[in-house]
Amino acid sequence: MLLHEVPRAAAEAAPSTTALVAGDRRWDAAAFADLVDALGSGLARHTTPGDRVAVVADNRPEFAALLYAAPRAGVILAMGNTRHTTGELVDVLADAAPSLVVGTAEHLGRLLERAEDLPTVRSWWSLDDPPPAARHVDELCEGPVVDPAPGRADDPVWLIHTSGTTGRPKGVLLTHRSVLAAVANGAEARPMGDDDVYLFPFPLFHVAAYNLVHAHRNRCTVVLAPRFDAADALATIERERVTQVSLAPTMVAMLLDHPDRDSTDLSSLTRISYGASAMPPDLLRRTLLELPHVGLAQGYGMTELSGNAVFLGPEEHRRAVTDEPRLLAAAGHPGPLARIRIADDAGQELPVDTPGEILVSGPQVCAGYWNRPEETAAVLHDDPDGTRWLRTGDLGTLDSTGTLRIVDRLKDLVITGGENVASREVEDVLVGHDRVRAVAVVGTPDERWGEAVCAVVVWADGTDPAEAEADLRSWSEGRLAGFKRPRRVVTVEALPTNATGKVDKRAVRALVASLERPDGPTVRP
């Protein structure tokens, strides 16, 4: 099966089953498959196979349909992160070089102001009232249905840009095979049936969108939230009788803390699947205590894996808070289609309980990075027998039972509210401020967001740190997306370095952790 065949297969099996709910709008499986066919046919009439089609929109039903419609037309769907500043968004789209852009008027409007920086775009299509130079997407759907493009399992279907150690986002190429393998790998750990109602509150421009394919593959109803809001999520669970939901740990905490929680009927909910970051043990215990009828399932993965590859199921979560506390720090076990290896710098397998880089093999591994052969070669390598392994950039251990534990990140990323932030990217922006002599960016624990972006700054001589900090925050507003801006700024006389003179990030993190007043605006050690 190819990715775009999923909606039509569901429609043929159960045409009247509700496939998608978005606010007060509903599509049964047959109507949703028709929407996919109409959008796919429109794309085929305006593109050539292999083109990139960019989507820049928050969660909308048409976006969900485009996940399938683009591969149906034989083109690659490039996801634009709507939380990015205009400059960041233009950089990502310029890298993807799309021939066509679909989006909401708000985001198309800001892109059209920079149209000269996107010379490959031939047409702009709006999901709502179109701005000048754009047309309404309904026109794209007008015309006869075109047969699907002949596709192969290894053809790329989605292009998702993700932060990396270089600081500049890299486009990860996912294929029919990799996305559907991620779906199949998760099916055993997080099964869905045709009587399940699945609430999806993550942005569709993240790799988490593979969860929609998982649900549609199993003929479930998907309830698409425009964005995560705790009050709306609680009301939706009660109204739609939601049985499964995916959340980041910070979202779980917001649900539990919301004043409407106790008055909301959550009896339909059977499972909360979480990922993006580890769940703090206290929050895990609290969730199991306050929602005893709900099973927890954790997934460990990344964009380069098309989704999750390692899973910790509900029973293991219950054991973790009773008689097996070691599981509190566990990521879980690889799914049936994934293999895990803990390796040294040379890629050689390490003994049990020995920390090393986590390598993953299986059909869900991405095809590589868009137009970045050297960086692709750095993370994908083949064994002599042809087995391909992905170097995750995460440090972990495997115990004698095959349980994976994440020890640290080798990649210099901050994970805040489910978003990956490359420290280098933030550093490159902040160092452009005329009062910043040197800066190192690290993640610090945050109860709400998991981690917060922290800038450790050496100021130029004669600088008043408090005044400069306020200016730095306002200065970064037009240059960095909100989730990338420092929530905390620490003043130091010098950054710790290693023997080669390179900034030692582990020492920086240890320094920040040792400081008093963790919520203070500026700390001078």
Protein backbone atom coordinates (compact mmCIF):
# COMPACT_ATOMS: atom_id res chain seq x y z
CA MET A 1 0.00 0.00 0.00
CA LEU A 2 1.13 3.57 -0.71
CA LEU A 3 0.38 6.48 1.59
CA HIS A 4 -2.31 8.10 -0.55
CA GLU A 5 -4.20 4.80 -0.80
CA VAL A 6 -5.03 4.83 2.94
CA PRO A 7 -8.12 7.12 2.79
CA ARG A 8 -9.68 5.35 -0.19
CA ALA A 9 -9.11 1.93 1.39
CA ALA A 10 -10.88 3.12 4.56
CA ALA A 11 -13.73 4.51 2.46
CA GLU A 12 -14.18 1.25 0.60
CA ALA A 13 -14.23 -0.72 3.85
CA ALA A 14 -16.57 1.57 5.80
CA PRO A 15 -17.73 4.57 3.75
CA SER A 16 -20.11 6.01 6.35
CA THR A 17 -17.67 5.88 9.29
CA THR A 18 -16.66 9.33 10.45
CA ALA A 19 -13.06 9.91 9.32
CA LEU A 20 -12.47 13.50 10.42
CA VAL A 21 -14.03 16.00 12.80
CA ALA A 22 -12.89 19.63 12.82
CA GLY A 23 -15.03 21.91 14.96
CA ASP A 24 -18.61 21.55 13.76
CA ARG A 25 -17.55 20.07 10.39
CA ARG A 26 -17.53 16.33 9.79
CA TRP A 27 -16.39 14.09 6.94
CA ASP A 28 -17.29 10.46 6.61
CA ALA A 29 -14.65 8.18 5.12
CA ALA A 30 -16.08 8.46 1.60
CA ALA A 31 -16.24 12.28 1.69
CA PHE A 32 -12.73 12.56 3.09
CA ALA A 33 -11.36 10.27 0.39
CA ASP A 34 -13.16 12.44 -2.20
CA LEU A 35 -11.49 15.54 -0.74
CA VAL A 36 -8.10 13.84 -1.02
CA ASP A 37 -8.82 12.90 -4.64
CA ALA A 38 -9.96 16.44 -5.52
CA LEU A 39 -6.93 18.10 -3.94
CA GLY A 40 -4.58 15.52 -5.41
CA SER A 41 -6.05 16.01 -8.87
CA GLY A 42 -5.70 19.78 -8.58
CA LEU A 43 -2.06 19.46 -7.53
CA ALA A 44 -1.40 17.11 -10.42
CA ARG A 45 -2.79 19.66 -12.89
CA HIS A 46 -0.50 22.42 -11.58
CA THR A 47 2.73 20.52 -10.86
CA THR A 48 5.02 17.87 -12.28
CA PRO A 49 6.04 14.72 -10.39
CA GLY A 50 8.85 15.38 -7.93
CA ASP A 51 7.87 19.03 -7.37
CA ARG A 52 7.56 20.31 -3.84
CA VAL A 53 4.24 21.70 -2.65
CA ALA A 54 4.48 23.77 0.53
CA VAL A 55 1.70 24.01 3.08
CA VAL A 56 1.77 26.90 5.57
CA ALA A 57 -1.29 26.60 7.79
CA ASP A 58 -2.38 25.69 11.26
CA ASN A 59 -4.47 22.54 11.72
CA ARG A 60 -7.27 22.44 9.18
CA PRO A 61 -9.11 19.58 7.43
CA GLU A 62 -7.57 20.54 4.08
CA PHE A 63 -4.11 20.21 5.63
CA ALA A 64 -5.00 16.71 6.82
CA ALA A 65 -6.14 15.86 3.28
CA LEU A 66 -2.91 17.27 1.79
CA LEU A 67 -0.91 14.69 3.74
CA TYR A 68 -2.32 12.18 1.27
CA ALA A 69 -3.15 14.39 -1.70
CA ALA A 70 0.45 15.47 -2.35
CA PRO A 71 1.80 11.92 -2.69
CA ARG A 72 -1.27 11.06 -4.77
CA ALA A 73 -0.08 13.71 -7.24
CA GLY A 74 3.49 12.42 -7.09
CA VAL A 75 4.80 15.56 -5.37
CA ILE A 76 6.48 16.14 -2.01
CA LEU A 77 4.59 18.00 0.72
CA ALA A 78 6.93 20.52 2.40
CA MET A 79 5.68 21.53 5.84
CA GLY A 80 6.00 25.16 6.95
CA ASN A 81 6.11 25.83 10.69
CA THR A 82 3.60 28.66 11.24
CA ARG A 83 5.25 29.58 14.54
CA HIS A 84 8.37 30.72 12.69
CA THR A 85 9.08 34.34 11.99
CA THR A 86 8.66 35.39 8.37
CA GLY A 87 12.41 35.29 7.84
CA GLU A 88 12.71 31.78 9.29
CA LEU A 89 9.77 30.58 7.21
CA VAL A 90 11.16 32.07 4.01
CA ASP A 91 14.51 30.37 4.64
CA VAL A 92 12.85 26.97 5.03
CA LEU A 93 10.66 27.37 1.95
CA ALA A 94 13.55 28.67 -0.12
CA ASP A 95 15.44 25.49 0.78
CA ALA A 96 12.47 23.35 -0.28
CA ALA A 97 12.04 25.36 -3.52
CA PRO A 98 8.29 24.66 -3.92
CA SER A 99 6.43 25.29 -7.15
CA LEU A 100 3.13 25.85 -5.34
CA VAL A 101 2.16 27.09 -1.87
CA VAL A 102 -1.09 26.34 -0.05
CA GLY A 103 -1.88 28.18 3.17
CA THR A 104 -4.11 30.45 5.16
CA ALA A 105 -4.40 34.09 4.17
CA GLU A 106 -2.51 35.24 7.28
CA HIS A 107 0.60 33.27 6.41
CA LEU A 108 0.36 33.69 2.65
CA GLY A 109 0.19 37.43 3.19
CA ARG A 110 3.50 37.60 5.00
CA LEU A 111 5.15 35.27 2.49
CA LEU A 112 3.90 37.27 -0.48
CA GLU A 113 5.69 40.29 0.96
CA ARG A 114 8.88 38.29 0.41
CA ALA A 115 7.85 36.65 -2.86
CA GLU A 116 11.06 37.77 -4.56
CA ASP A 117 12.94 35.46 -2.16
CA LEU A 118 10.83 32.49 -3.31
CA PRO A 119 11.37 32.55 -7.09
CA THR A 120 10.36 28.91 -7.64
CA VAL A 121 6.75 29.50 -6.52
CA ARG A 122 4.45 29.68 -9.55
CA SER A 123 1.10 29.89 -7.75
CA TRP A 124 -0.36 30.65 -4.33
CA TRP A 125 -3.56 29.03 -3.01
CA SER A 126 -5.47 30.19 0.04
CA LEU A 127 -7.58 28.10 2.41
CA ASP A 128 -9.66 31.17 3.30
CA ASP A 129 -10.26 34.65 1.88
CA PRO A 130 -7.32 34.92 -0.53
CA PRO A 131 -4.93 37.86 -0.35
CA PRO A 132 -3.90 39.62 -3.58
CA ALA A 133 -1.91 37.36 -5.93
CA ALA A 134 -3.47 34.22 -4.42
CA ARG A 135 -6.46 32.12 -5.45
CA HIS A 136 -8.90 30.14 -3.34
CA VAL A 137 -8.10 26.46 -2.93
CA ASP A 138 -11.63 25.57 -4.11
CA GLU A 139 -10.48 26.56 -7.61
CA LEU A 140 -7.60 24.11 -7.27
CA CYS A 141 -10.13 21.33 -6.67
CA GLU A 142 -12.26 22.19 -9.70
CA GLY A 143 -11.88 19.89 -12.66
CA PRO A 144 -11.93 16.17 -13.40
CA VAL A 145 -10.39 13.63 -11.07
CA VAL A 146 -6.93 12.63 -12.26
CA ASP A 147 -5.60 9.12 -11.74
CA PRO A 148 -2.97 8.85 -9.00
CA ALA A 149 0.62 9.20 -10.14
CA PRO A 150 2.43 5.88 -10.38
CA GLY A 151 4.40 5.68 -7.19
CA ARG A 152 7.02 3.49 -5.58
CA ALA A 153 7.43 2.72 -1.91
CA ASP A 154 10.73 4.59 -1.69
CA ASP A 155 9.45 7.79 -3.33
CA PRO A 156 9.60 10.78 -0.94
CA VAL A 157 6.23 12.11 0.23
CA TRP A 158 6.87 14.57 3.10
CA LEU A 159 9.65 17.09 3.64
CA ILE A 160 9.87 18.23 7.27
CA HIS A 161 12.55 20.66 8.35
CA THR A 162 14.05 20.04 11.74
CA SER A 163 16.66 21.76 13.86
CA GLY A 164 20.17 20.34 13.92
CA THR A 165 23.59 20.96 15.38
CA THR A 166 24.51 23.31 12.54
CA GLY A 167 21.69 25.62 13.58
CA ARG A 168 20.15 25.78 10.11
CA PRO A 169 17.04 23.58 9.72
CA LYS A 170 17.54 20.49 7.60
CA GLY A 171 14.79 19.02 5.44
CA VAL A 172 14.12 15.38 6.35
CA LEU A 173 12.78 13.30 3.46
CA LEU A 174 10.15 10.73 4.47
CA THR A 175 8.88 8.14 2.02
CA HIS A 176 5.74 6.05 1.52
CA ARG A 177 7.64 3.16 3.05
CA SER A 178 9.05 5.02 6.05
CA VAL A 179 5.76 6.64 7.11
CA LEU A 180 3.73 3.44 6.76
CA ALA A 181 6.45 1.47 8.56
CA ALA A 182 6.29 3.93 11.48
CA VAL A 183 2.52 3.41 11.53
CA ALA A 184 2.91 -0.37 11.51
CA ASN A 185 5.61 -0.28 14.17
CA GLY A 186 3.42 1.72 16.52
CA ALA A 187 0.29 -0.35 15.92
CA GLU A 188 1.34 -3.09 18.33
CA ALA A 189 2.41 -0.72 21.09
CA ARG A 190 -0.52 1.66 20.62
CA PRO A 191 -3.31 -0.28 18.91
CA MET A 192 -6.34 1.51 17.48
CA GLY A 193 -9.62 -0.03 16.41
CA ASP A 194 -12.50 1.20 14.30
CA ASP A 195 -14.43 2.09 17.46
CA ASP A 196 -11.70 4.46 18.67
CA VAL A 197 -12.02 8.24 18.55
CA TYR A 198 -8.60 9.89 18.41
CA LEU A 199 -7.92 13.50 19.40
CA PHE A 200 -4.93 15.10 17.65
CA PRO A 201 -3.81 18.45 19.17
CA PHE A 202 -0.25 18.64 17.78
CA PRO A 203 0.60 20.78 14.74
CA LEU A 204 0.23 18.87 11.50
CA PHE A 205 3.52 20.31 10.29
CA HIS A 206 5.35 18.06 12.77
CA VAL A 207 6.22 14.41 12.20
CA ALA A 208 3.46 13.68 14.74
CA ALA A 209 1.14 13.87 11.72
CA TYR A 210 1.95 10.21 11.11
CA ASN A 211 -0.54 9.53 13.92
CA LEU A 212 -3.37 10.58 11.58
CA VAL A 213 -2.25 7.94 9.10
CA HIS A 214 -2.19 5.43 11.96
CA ALA A 215 -5.78 6.32 12.85
CA HIS A 216 -7.08 6.36 9.26
CA ARG A 217 -5.27 3.10 8.49
CA ASN A 218 -7.37 1.55 11.27
CA ARG A 219 -10.59 3.36 10.25
CA CYS A 220 -10.73 5.46 13.42
CA THR A 221 -12.35 8.84 13.79
CA VAL A 222 -9.82 11.65 14.00
CA VAL A 223 -10.81 14.78 15.92
CA LEU A 224 -8.52 17.55 14.71
CA ALA A 225 -7.91 20.34 17.21
CA PRO A 226 -6.87 23.69 15.70
CA ARG A 227 -4.23 23.91 18.44
CA PHE A 228 -3.81 22.63 21.97
CA ASP A 229 -5.91 24.38 24.59
CA ALA A 230 -6.61 22.56 27.85
CA ALA A 231 -10.19 23.79 28.21
CA ASP A 232 -11.01 22.93 24.60
CA ALA A 233 -9.35 19.54 24.90
CA LEU A 234 -11.40 18.65 27.98
CA ALA A 235 -14.63 19.78 26.33
CA THR A 236 -13.79 17.87 23.15
CA ILE A 237 -13.03 14.64 25.01
CA GLU A 238 -16.45 14.83 26.68
CA ARG A 239 -18.39 15.94 23.58
CA GLU A 240 -16.83 13.53 21.07
CA ARG A 241 -16.35 10.65 23.52
CA VAL A 242 -12.65 10.58 22.72
CA THR A 243 -10.92 7.31 23.58
CA GLN A 244 -7.29 8.11 22.69
CA VAL A 245 -5.23 11.30 22.64
CA SER A 246 -1.59 12.18 21.98
CA LEU A 247 -0.05 14.80 24.26
CA ALA A 248 3.30 16.18 25.30
CA PRO A 249 3.96 15.88 29.07
CA THR A 250 3.41 19.61 29.48
CA MET A 251 -0.05 19.20 27.92
CA VAL A 252 -0.87 16.39 30.36
CA ALA A 253 0.00 18.68 33.26
CA MET A 254 -2.19 21.46 31.84
CA LEU A 255 -5.17 19.07 31.60
CA LEU A 256 -4.76 17.87 35.15
CA ASP A 257 -4.36 21.41 36.47
CA HIS A 258 -7.31 22.92 34.62
CA PRO A 259 -10.25 23.94 36.83
CA ASP A 260 -12.73 22.26 34.42
CA ARG A 261 -11.08 18.86 34.80
CA ASP A 262 -13.14 17.62 37.77
CA SER A 263 -16.44 18.66 36.17
CA THR A 264 -15.64 17.07 32.80
CA ASP A 265 -16.71 13.54 31.91
CA LEU A 266 -13.49 11.78 30.90
CA SER A 267 -14.87 8.26 31.25
CA SER A 268 -14.50 7.54 27.52
CA LEU A 269 -10.74 8.13 27.61
CA THR A 270 -8.73 4.90 27.67
CA ARG A 271 -5.22 5.96 26.63
CA ILE A 272 -2.91 8.95 26.67
CA SER A 273 0.10 8.58 24.42
CA TYR A 274 2.90 11.00 25.09
CA GLY A 275 6.23 11.86 23.54
CA ALA A 276 8.40 14.84 22.53
CA SER A 277 10.09 14.68 25.96
CA ALA A 278 10.22 12.43 29.00
CA MET A 279 7.43 12.64 31.56
CA PRO A 280 8.65 13.70 35.01
CA PRO A 281 8.12 10.84 37.52
CA ASP A 282 5.91 12.97 39.79
CA LEU A 283 3.63 13.82 36.86
CA LEU A 284 3.50 10.18 35.80
CA ARG A 285 2.44 9.11 39.30
CA ARG A 286 -0.10 11.90 39.50
CA THR A 287 -1.65 11.01 36.14
CA LEU A 288 -2.04 7.35 37.05
CA LEU A 289 -3.51 8.30 40.43
CA GLU A 290 -5.95 10.93 39.18
CA LEU A 291 -6.94 9.12 35.94
CA PRO A 292 -6.78 5.47 37.04
CA HIS A 293 -8.88 4.26 34.09
CA VAL A 294 -6.44 5.70 31.55
CA GLY A 295 -3.39 3.82 30.28
CA LEU A 296 -0.19 5.72 29.49
CA ALA A 297 1.97 4.91 26.49
CA GLN A 298 5.29 6.59 25.74
CA GLY A 299 6.95 6.83 22.35
CA TYR A 300 10.57 7.66 21.57
CA GLY A 301 11.38 8.75 18.05
CA MET A 302 12.23 11.70 15.85
CA THR A 303 11.55 13.16 12.44
CA GLU A 304 14.34 11.07 10.90
CA LEU A 305 12.46 7.95 12.08
CA SER A 306 9.13 9.07 10.56
CA GLY A 307 7.66 8.85 14.06
CA ASN A 308 8.28 6.67 17.10
CA ALA A 309 10.38 3.51 17.13
CA VAL A 310 10.58 2.67 20.87
CA PHE A 311 7.57 2.26 23.14
CA LEU A 312 6.68 1.91 26.81
CA GLY A 313 3.18 0.54 27.27
CA PRO A 314 0.46 1.02 29.90
CA GLU A 315 1.36 -2.07 31.93
CA GLU A 316 5.01 -0.99 32.15
CA HIS A 317 3.90 2.44 33.34
CA ARG A 318 1.87 0.86 36.13
CA ARG A 319 4.81 -1.31 37.16
CA ALA A 320 7.06 1.75 37.10
CA VAL A 321 5.15 3.37 39.97
CA THR A 322 4.67 0.18 41.98
CA ASP A 323 7.44 -2.43 42.04
CA GLU A 324 9.81 -1.54 39.16
CA PRO A 325 10.97 2.05 39.65
CA ARG A 326 13.79 1.52 37.12
CA LEU A 327 11.12 1.87 34.43
CA LEU A 328 10.57 5.49 35.46
CA ALA A 329 13.72 6.34 33.50
CA ALA A 330 13.00 3.98 30.60
CA ALA A 331 12.10 4.92 27.04
CA GLY A 332 10.84 1.39 26.40
CA HIS A 333 11.43 -1.40 23.92
CA PRO A 334 11.84 -1.17 20.15
CA GLY A 335 8.75 -1.92 18.11
CA PRO A 336 8.67 -5.13 16.05
CA LEU A 337 10.06 -3.44 12.92
CA ALA A 338 12.91 -1.59 14.63
CA ARG A 339 16.33 -2.64 15.88
CA ILE A 340 18.35 -0.71 18.46
CA ARG A 341 22.10 -0.68 18.88
CA ILE A 342 24.20 1.22 21.43
CA ALA A 343 27.45 2.14 19.72
CA ASP A 344 30.73 3.91 20.28
CA ASP A 345 32.08 6.70 18.10
CA ALA A 346 33.16 4.17 15.47
CA GLY A 347 29.71 2.61 15.30
CA GLN A 348 30.74 -0.57 17.11
CA GLU A 349 28.17 -2.16 19.40
CA LEU A 350 28.75 -1.70 23.13
CA PRO A 351 28.01 -4.15 25.98
CA VAL A 352 24.84 -4.13 28.06
CA ASP A 353 24.43 -1.12 30.39
CA THR A 354 27.27 0.78 28.69
CA PRO A 355 26.35 4.32 27.57
CA GLY A 356 26.76 5.09 23.89
CA GLU A 357 24.98 6.62 20.93
CA ILE A 358 21.57 5.17 20.11
CA LEU A 359 21.43 3.75 16.58
CA VAL A 360 18.15 2.63 15.02
CA SER A 361 17.57 0.41 12.01
CA GLY A 362 14.35 -0.46 10.21
CA PRO A 363 12.13 0.53 7.29
CA GLN A 364 10.94 3.69 9.06
CA VAL A 365 14.37 5.34 8.77
CA CYS A 366 14.19 8.41 6.53
CA ALA A 367 15.68 8.65 3.05
CA GLY A 368 18.10 11.36 4.19
CA TYR A 369 18.31 15.14 4.19
CA TRP A 370 17.11 17.28 1.32
CA ASN A 371 20.08 18.39 -0.80
CA ARG A 372 22.54 17.62 2.00
CA PRO A 373 24.54 14.56 0.97
CA GLU A 374 27.36 15.12 3.47
CA GLU A 375 25.00 15.50 6.42
CA THR A 376 23.02 12.49 5.22
CA ALA A 377 26.21 10.41 5.12
CA ALA A 378 27.03 11.56 8.65
CA VAL A 379 23.83 10.09 10.14
CA LEU A 380 23.05 7.13 7.85
CA HIS A 381 25.53 4.31 7.46
CA ASP A 382 25.32 0.73 6.26
CA ASP A 383 26.70 -2.45 7.79
CA PRO A 384 28.56 -4.85 5.47
CA ASP A 385 25.33 -6.87 5.24
CA GLY A 386 23.46 -3.83 3.92
CA THR A 387 21.60 -3.00 7.14
CA ARG A 388 21.13 0.78 7.35
CA TRP A 389 21.46 2.50 10.70
CA LEU A 390 20.44 5.99 11.80
CA ARG A 391 22.72 7.75 14.26
CA THR A 392 20.16 9.49 16.49
CA GLY A 393 22.52 11.84 18.30
CA ASP A 394 21.09 10.62 21.61
CA LEU A 395 23.08 8.88 24.33
CA GLY A 396 21.52 5.82 25.94
CA THR A 397 21.90 2.35 27.39
CA LEU A 398 20.26 -1.02 26.80
CA ASP A 399 19.86 -3.34 29.78
CA SER A 400 19.72 -7.13 29.78
CA THR A 401 15.96 -7.07 29.09
CA GLY A 402 16.41 -4.89 25.99
CA THR A 403 14.95 -1.81 27.71
CA LEU A 404 16.27 1.48 26.36
CA ARG A 405 17.10 4.37 28.67
CA ILE A 406 17.95 7.85 27.39
CA VAL A 407 20.98 9.26 29.20
CA ASP A 408 21.64 12.55 27.38
CA ARG A 409 21.57 14.24 24.01
CA LEU A 410 24.69 14.36 21.89
CA LYS A 411 22.91 16.75 19.57
CA ASP A 412 22.87 20.21 21.06
CA LEU A 413 19.10 20.64 21.10
CA VAL A 414 16.67 22.15 23.56
CA ILE A 415 13.24 20.49 23.58
CA THR A 416 10.67 23.01 24.78
CA GLY A 417 6.94 22.35 24.62
CA GLY A 418 7.55 19.57 22.07
CA GLU A 419 9.56 21.84 19.74
CA ASN A 420 13.22 21.17 18.93
CA VAL A 421 15.40 24.26 19.17
CA ALA A 422 18.97 24.18 17.88
CA SER A 423 21.20 25.98 20.34
CA ARG A 424 23.50 27.04 17.51
CA GLU A 425 20.66 28.76 15.66
CA VAL A 426 19.75 30.85 18.71
CA GLU A 427 23.40 31.59 19.46
CA ASP A 428 24.00 32.80 15.90
CA VAL A 429 21.17 35.30 16.30
CA LEU A 430 21.97 36.51 19.81
CA VAL A 431 25.65 37.06 19.11
CA GLY A 432 24.58 39.63 16.52
CA HIS A 433 23.46 41.95 19.33
CA ASP A 434 26.05 44.67 19.76
CA ARG A 435 26.37 44.18 23.55
CA VAL A 436 26.87 40.37 23.40
CA ARG A 437 30.53 39.37 23.39
CA ALA A 438 29.86 35.62 23.64
CA VAL A 439 26.84 33.42 24.31
CA ALA A 440 26.02 29.77 24.91
CA VAL A 441 22.46 28.46 24.77
CA VAL A 442 21.35 25.43 26.78
CA GLY A 443 18.09 23.95 28.03
CA THR A 444 17.09 24.25 31.67
CA PRO A 445 14.28 22.30 33.40
CA ASP A 446 10.88 23.96 33.19
CA GLU A 447 7.76 22.63 34.90
CA ARG A 448 5.44 23.78 32.13
CA TRP A 449 7.48 23.36 28.95
CA GLY A 450 9.81 20.52 29.91
CA GLU A 451 12.83 22.66 29.07
CA ALA A 452 13.32 26.39 28.65
CA VAL A 453 15.82 28.12 26.40
CA CYS A 454 18.52 29.68 28.56
CA ALA A 455 21.14 32.09 27.19
CA VAL A 456 24.40 32.29 29.13
CA VAL A 457 25.91 35.61 28.11
CA VAL A 458 29.26 37.36 28.36
CA TRP A 459 28.49 41.06 27.89
CA ALA A 460 30.75 43.65 26.33
CA ASP A 461 32.73 45.81 28.73
CA GLY A 462 30.76 48.56 30.43
CA THR A 463 27.38 46.88 29.88
CA ASP A 464 24.61 47.08 32.46
CA PRO A 465 23.38 43.44 32.35
CA ALA A 466 19.81 44.20 33.44
CA GLU A 467 19.38 46.90 30.81
CA ALA A 468 21.10 44.84 28.10
CA GLU A 469 19.01 41.78 28.91
CA ALA A 470 15.75 43.67 28.40
CA ASP A 471 17.05 45.03 25.11
CA LEU A 472 18.21 41.57 24.02
CA ARG A 473 14.75 40.12 24.60
CA SER A 474 12.99 42.79 22.55
CA TRP A 475 15.70 42.69 19.88
CA SER A 476 15.23 38.94 19.39
CA GLU A 477 11.45 39.19 18.91
CA GLY A 478 11.63 39.90 15.19
CA ARG A 479 14.45 37.43 14.62
CA LEU A 480 13.42 34.28 16.45
CA ALA A 481 10.14 32.41 16.81
CA GLY A 482 8.63 32.74 20.26
CA PHE A 483 9.56 29.24 21.38
CA LYS A 484 13.22 29.87 20.43
CA ARG A 485 13.66 33.07 22.43
CA PRO A 486 15.48 32.81 25.76
CA ARG A 487 13.16 32.55 28.75
CA ARG A 488 16.13 32.94 31.03
CA VAL A 489 19.34 34.94 30.66
CA VAL A 490 22.39 34.27 32.83
CA THR A 491 25.36 36.64 33.02
CA VAL A 492 28.87 35.19 33.36
CA GLU A 493 32.38 36.61 33.18
CA ALA A 494 33.52 33.87 30.78
CA LEU A 495 32.12 30.71 29.23
CA PRO A 496 33.65 27.41 30.35
CA THR A 497 35.73 25.74 27.63
CA ASN A 498 37.41 22.39 27.13
CA ALA A 499 41.05 21.68 26.37
CA THR A 500 40.64 22.63 22.72
CA GLY A 501 39.08 25.98 23.57
CA LYS A 502 35.56 24.93 22.53
CA VAL A 503 32.66 25.95 24.76
CA ASP A 504 31.88 23.01 27.04
CA LYS A 505 28.09 22.74 26.98
CA ARG A 506 27.98 20.16 29.74
CA ALA A 507 29.92 22.51 31.97
CA VAL A 508 27.59 25.36 30.98
CA ARG A 509 24.57 23.28 31.92
CA ALA A 510 26.17 22.29 35.23
CA LEU A 511 26.98 25.95 35.93
CA VAL A 512 23.42 27.06 35.29
CA ALA A 513 22.03 24.22 37.41
CA SER A 514 24.22 25.25 40.33
CA LEU A 515 23.04 28.84 40.38
CA GLU A 516 20.56 30.10 42.91
CA ARG A 517 17.43 32.04 41.96
CA PRO A 518 16.52 29.75 39.00
CA ASP A 519 13.61 32.03 38.12
CA GLY A 520 15.62 35.23 38.38
CA PRO A 521 16.09 37.37 35.29
CA THR A 522 19.86 37.62 35.55
CA VAL A 523 22.35 35.78 37.75
CA ARG A 524 26.01 36.64 38.20
CA PRO A 525 27.95 33.68 39.59
